[in-house]
C-alpha atoms as a PDB file:
ATOM      1  CA  UNK A   1       4.625 -14.273   2.009  1.00  0.00           C
ATOM      2  CA  UNK A   2       6.437 -11.962  -0.368  1.00  0.00           C
ATOM      3  CA  UNK A   3       6.461 -12.243  -4.140  1.00  0.00           C
ATOM      4  CA  UNK A   4       9.894 -10.672  -3.959  1.00  0.00           C
ATOM      5  CA  UNK A   5      11.586  -8.675  -1.245  1.00  0.00           C
ATOM      6  CA  UNK A   6       9.505  -5.570  -2.013  1.00  0.00           C
ATOM      7  CA  UNK A   7       6.049  -6.991  -2.744  1.00  0.00           C
ATOM      8  CA  UNK A   8       3.237  -8.635  -0.815  1.00  0.00           C
ATOM      9  CA  UNK A   9       0.247 -10.494  -2.266  1.00  0.00           C
ATOM     10  CA  UNK A  10      -3.361  -9.525  -1.629  1.00  0.00           C
ATOM     11  CA  UNK A  11      -3.977 -12.839   0.147  1.00  0.00           C
ATOM     12  CA  UNK A  12      -1.042 -12.217   2.490  1.00  0.00           C
ATOM     13  CA  UNK A  13      -2.292  -8.707   3.216  1.00  0.00           C
ATOM     14  CA  UNK A  14      -5.718 -10.150   4.015  1.00  0.00           C
ATOM     15  CA  UNK A  15      -4.078 -12.588   6.456  1.00  0.00           C
ATOM     16  CA  UNK A  16      -2.275  -9.697   8.168  1.00  0.00           C
ATOM     17  CA  UNK A  17      -5.523  -7.740   8.444  1.00  0.00           C
ATOM     18  CA  UNK A  18      -7.391 -10.719   9.890  1.00  0.00           C
ATOM     19  CA  UNK A  19      -4.625 -11.202  12.446  1.00  0.00           C
ATOM     20  CA  UNK A  20      -5.348  -7.631  13.592  1.00  0.00           C
ATOM     21  CA  UNK A  21      -1.695  -6.762  13.360  1.00  0.00           C
ATOM     22  CA  UNK A  22      -1.627  -3.354  15.039  1.00  0.00           C
ATOM     23  CA  UNK A  23       1.662  -2.434  13.485  1.00  0.00           C
ATOM     24  CA  UNK A  24       0.256  -2.271   9.956  1.00  0.00           C
ATOM     25  CA  UNK A  25      -0.177   0.919   7.920  1.00  0.00           C
ATOM     26  CA  UNK A  26      -1.942   0.700   4.538  1.00  0.00           C
ATOM     27  CA  UNK A  27      -1.217   3.613   2.209  1.00  0.00           C
ATOM     28  CA  UNK A  28      -2.948   4.354  -1.092  1.00  0.00           C
ATOM     29  CA  UNK A  29      -0.632   6.308  -3.407  1.00  0.00           C
ATOM     30  CA  UNK A  30      -3.224   6.889  -6.128  1.00  0.00           C
ATOM     31  CA  UNK A  31      -4.689  10.326  -6.776  1.00  0.00           C
ATOM     32  CA  UNK A  32      -7.775  11.796  -5.057  1.00  0.00           C
ATOM     33  CA  UNK A  33     -10.150  10.949  -7.940  1.00  0.00           C
ATOM     34  CA  UNK A  34      -9.123   7.288  -7.834  1.00  0.00           C
ATOM     35  CA  UNK A  35      -9.441   7.246  -4.021  1.00  0.00           C
ATOM     36  CA  UNK A  36     -12.986   8.608  -4.304  1.00  0.00           C
ATOM     37  CA  UNK A  37     -13.888   5.824  -6.748  1.00  0.00           C
ATOM     38  CA  UNK A  38     -12.743   2.949  -4.515  1.00  0.00           C
ATOM     39  CA  UNK A  39     -10.305   2.113  -1.726  1.00  0.00           C
ATOM     40  CA  UNK A  40      -9.243  -0.572   0.719  1.00  0.00           C
ATOM     41  CA  UNK A  41     -11.005   0.041   4.002  1.00  0.00           C
ATOM     42  CA  UNK A  42      -8.755   1.595   6.621  1.00  0.00           C
ATOM     43  CA  UNK A  43      -6.177   2.850   4.151  1.00  0.00           C
ATOM     44  CA  UNK A  44      -4.655   6.313   4.183  1.00  0.00           C
ATOM     45  CA  UNK A  45      -4.390   8.422   1.016  1.00  0.00           C
ATOM     46  CA  UNK A  46      -1.019   9.963   0.202  1.00  0.00           C
ATOM     47  CA  UNK A  47      -1.032  10.682  -3.564  1.00  0.00           C
ATOM     48  CA  UNK A  48       2.161   9.908  -5.468  1.00  0.00           C
ATOM     49  CA  UNK A  49       2.227  13.522  -6.674  1.00  0.00           C
ATOM     50  CA  UNK A  50       2.559  14.652  -3.024  1.00  0.00           C
ATOM     51  CA  UNK A  51       4.342  11.682  -1.500  1.00  0.00           C
ATOM     52  CA  UNK A  52       7.831  13.120  -0.993  1.00  0.00           C
ATOM     53  CA  UNK A  53       6.436  16.302   0.539  1.00  0.00           C
ATOM     54  CA  UNK A  54       3.880  14.535   2.770  1.00  0.00           C
ATOM     55  CA  UNK A  55       6.373  12.015   4.143  1.00  0.00           C
ATOM     56  CA  UNK A  56       9.431  14.267   4.523  1.00  0.00           C
ATOM     57  CA  UNK A  57       9.010  14.443   8.312  1.00  0.00           C
ATOM     58  CA  UNK A  58       8.481  10.692   8.805  1.00  0.00           C
ATOM     59  CA  UNK A  59      10.876   9.041  11.228  1.00  0.00           C
ATOM     60  CA  UNK A  60      12.495   5.860   9.890  1.00  0.00           C
ATOM     61  CA  UNK A  61      12.564   4.461  13.432  1.00  0.00           C
ATOM     62  CA  UNK A  62       8.814   3.855  12.906  1.00  0.00           C
ATOM     63  CA  UNK A  63       8.832   0.069  12.583  1.00  0.00           C
ATOM     64  CA  UNK A  64       5.211  -0.335  11.468  1.00  0.00           C
ATOM     65  CA  UNK A  65       4.813  -2.511   8.411  1.00  0.00           C
ATOM     66  CA  UNK A  66       3.786  -0.209   5.549  1.00  0.00           C
ATOM     67  CA  UNK A  67       1.785  -1.680   2.683  1.00  0.00           C
ATOM     68  CA  UNK A  68       1.580   0.665  -0.310  1.00  0.00           C
ATOM     69  CA  UNK A  69      -0.971   0.178  -3.075  1.00  0.00           C
ATOM     70  CA  UNK A  70      -2.132   1.833  -6.270  1.00  0.00           C
ATOM     71  CA  UNK A  71      -4.241   0.659  -9.211  1.00  0.00           C
ATOM     72  CA  UNK A  72      -2.048  -2.203 -10.501  1.00  0.00           C
ATOM     73  CA  UNK A  73       1.151  -2.027  -8.449  1.00  0.00           C
ATOM     74  CA  UNK A  74       3.539   0.095 -10.511  1.00  0.00           C
ATOM     75  CA  UNK A  75       3.297   3.398  -8.617  1.00  0.00           C
ATOM     76  CA  UNK A  76       3.285   1.590  -5.289  1.00  0.00           C
ATOM     77  CA  UNK A  77       6.507  -0.171  -6.227  1.00  0.00           C
ATOM     78  CA  UNK A  78       8.103   3.248  -6.920  1.00  0.00           C
ATOM     79  CA  UNK A  79       6.913   4.486  -3.512  1.00  0.00           C
ATOM     80  CA  UNK A  80       8.207   1.338  -1.826  1.00  0.00           C
ATOM     81  CA  UNK A  81      11.649   1.860  -3.358  1.00  0.00           C
ATOM     82  CA  UNK A  82      11.562   5.538  -2.322  1.00  0.00           C
ATOM     83  CA  UNK A  83      10.691   4.666   1.291  1.00  0.00           C
ATOM     84  CA  UNK A  84      13.228   1.831   1.453  1.00  0.00           C
ATOM     85  CA  UNK A  85      15.918   4.255   0.272  1.00  0.00           C
ATOM     86  CA  UNK A  86      14.940   6.516   3.186  1.00  0.00           C
ATOM     87  CA  UNK A  87      15.400   3.690   5.698  1.00  0.00           C
ATOM     88  CA  UNK A  88      11.873   2.246   5.915  1.00  0.00           C
ATOM     89  CA  UNK A  89      12.826  -1.406   5.426  1.00  0.00           C
ATOM     90  CA  UNK A  90       9.449  -2.786   6.533  1.00  0.00           C
ATOM     91  CA  UNK A  91       7.685  -1.349   3.451  1.00  0.00           C
ATOM     92  CA  UNK A  92       6.013  -3.429   0.737  1.00  0.00           C
ATOM     93  CA  UNK A  93       4.098  -2.849  -2.498  1.00  0.00           C
ATOM     94  CA  UNK A  94       0.775  -4.657  -2.928  1.00  0.00           C
ATOM     95  CA  UNK A  95       1.144  -6.886  -5.983  1.00  0.00           C
ATOM     96  CA  UNK A  96      -1.619  -6.149  -8.492  1.00  0.00           C
ATOM     97  CA  UNK A  97      -2.878  -3.160  -6.482  1.00  0.00           C
ATOM     98  CA  UNK A  98      -6.513  -2.474  -5.745  1.00  0.00           C
ATOM     99  CA  UNK A  99      -7.495  -4.226  -8.967  1.00  0.00           C
ATOM    100  CA  UNK A 100      -6.141  -7.539  -7.650  1.00  0.00           C
ATOM    101  CA  UNK A 101      -7.747  -6.806  -4.250  1.00  0.00           C
ATOM    102  CA  UNK A 102     -11.109  -6.378  -5.988  1.00  0.00           C
ATOM    103  CA  UNK A 103     -10.742  -9.572  -8.032  1.00  0.00           C
ATOM    104  CA  UNK A 104      -9.331 -11.850  -5.323  1.00  0.00           C
ATOM    105  CA  UNK A 105     -10.488 -10.433  -1.980  1.00  0.00           C
ATOM    106  CA  UNK A 106     -13.442  -8.038  -2.216  1.00  0.00           C
ATOM    107  CA  UNK A 107     -15.470  -8.093  -5.435  1.00  0.00           C
ATOM    108  CA  UNK A 108     -17.715  -5.322  -4.046  1.00  0.00           C
ATOM    109  CA  UNK A 109     -14.910  -2.862  -4.716  1.00  0.00           C
ATOM    110  CA  UNK A 110     -15.529  -1.453  -8.206  1.00  0.00           C
ATOM    111  CA  UNK A 111     -12.887  -2.061 -10.850  1.00  0.00           C
ATOM    112  CA  UNK A 112     -11.826   0.575 -13.344  1.00  0.00           C
END
């Protein structure tokens, strides 16, 4: 399932979504302008520039699986490391980001 211990592929995320796993939280860490251009349906926007502030009150006893994505997977990997360091072990970066999602899963999502 995982490319490495911190990443998840777009095909594995699609499988989780199809399984209707209720304990899944998808977070987009791109900026507002990128979010407006395209997004994965059902995801929540928390821009990287505001991430530490927006998540400061999160409780690490929240065991939901958190999938973080950005454009290509670099920012989301930073966020994943940040959250893991705060005790959120069930957090993963989406390999290839929304670009890979658009290519492999949903070609209706515009690429940029």
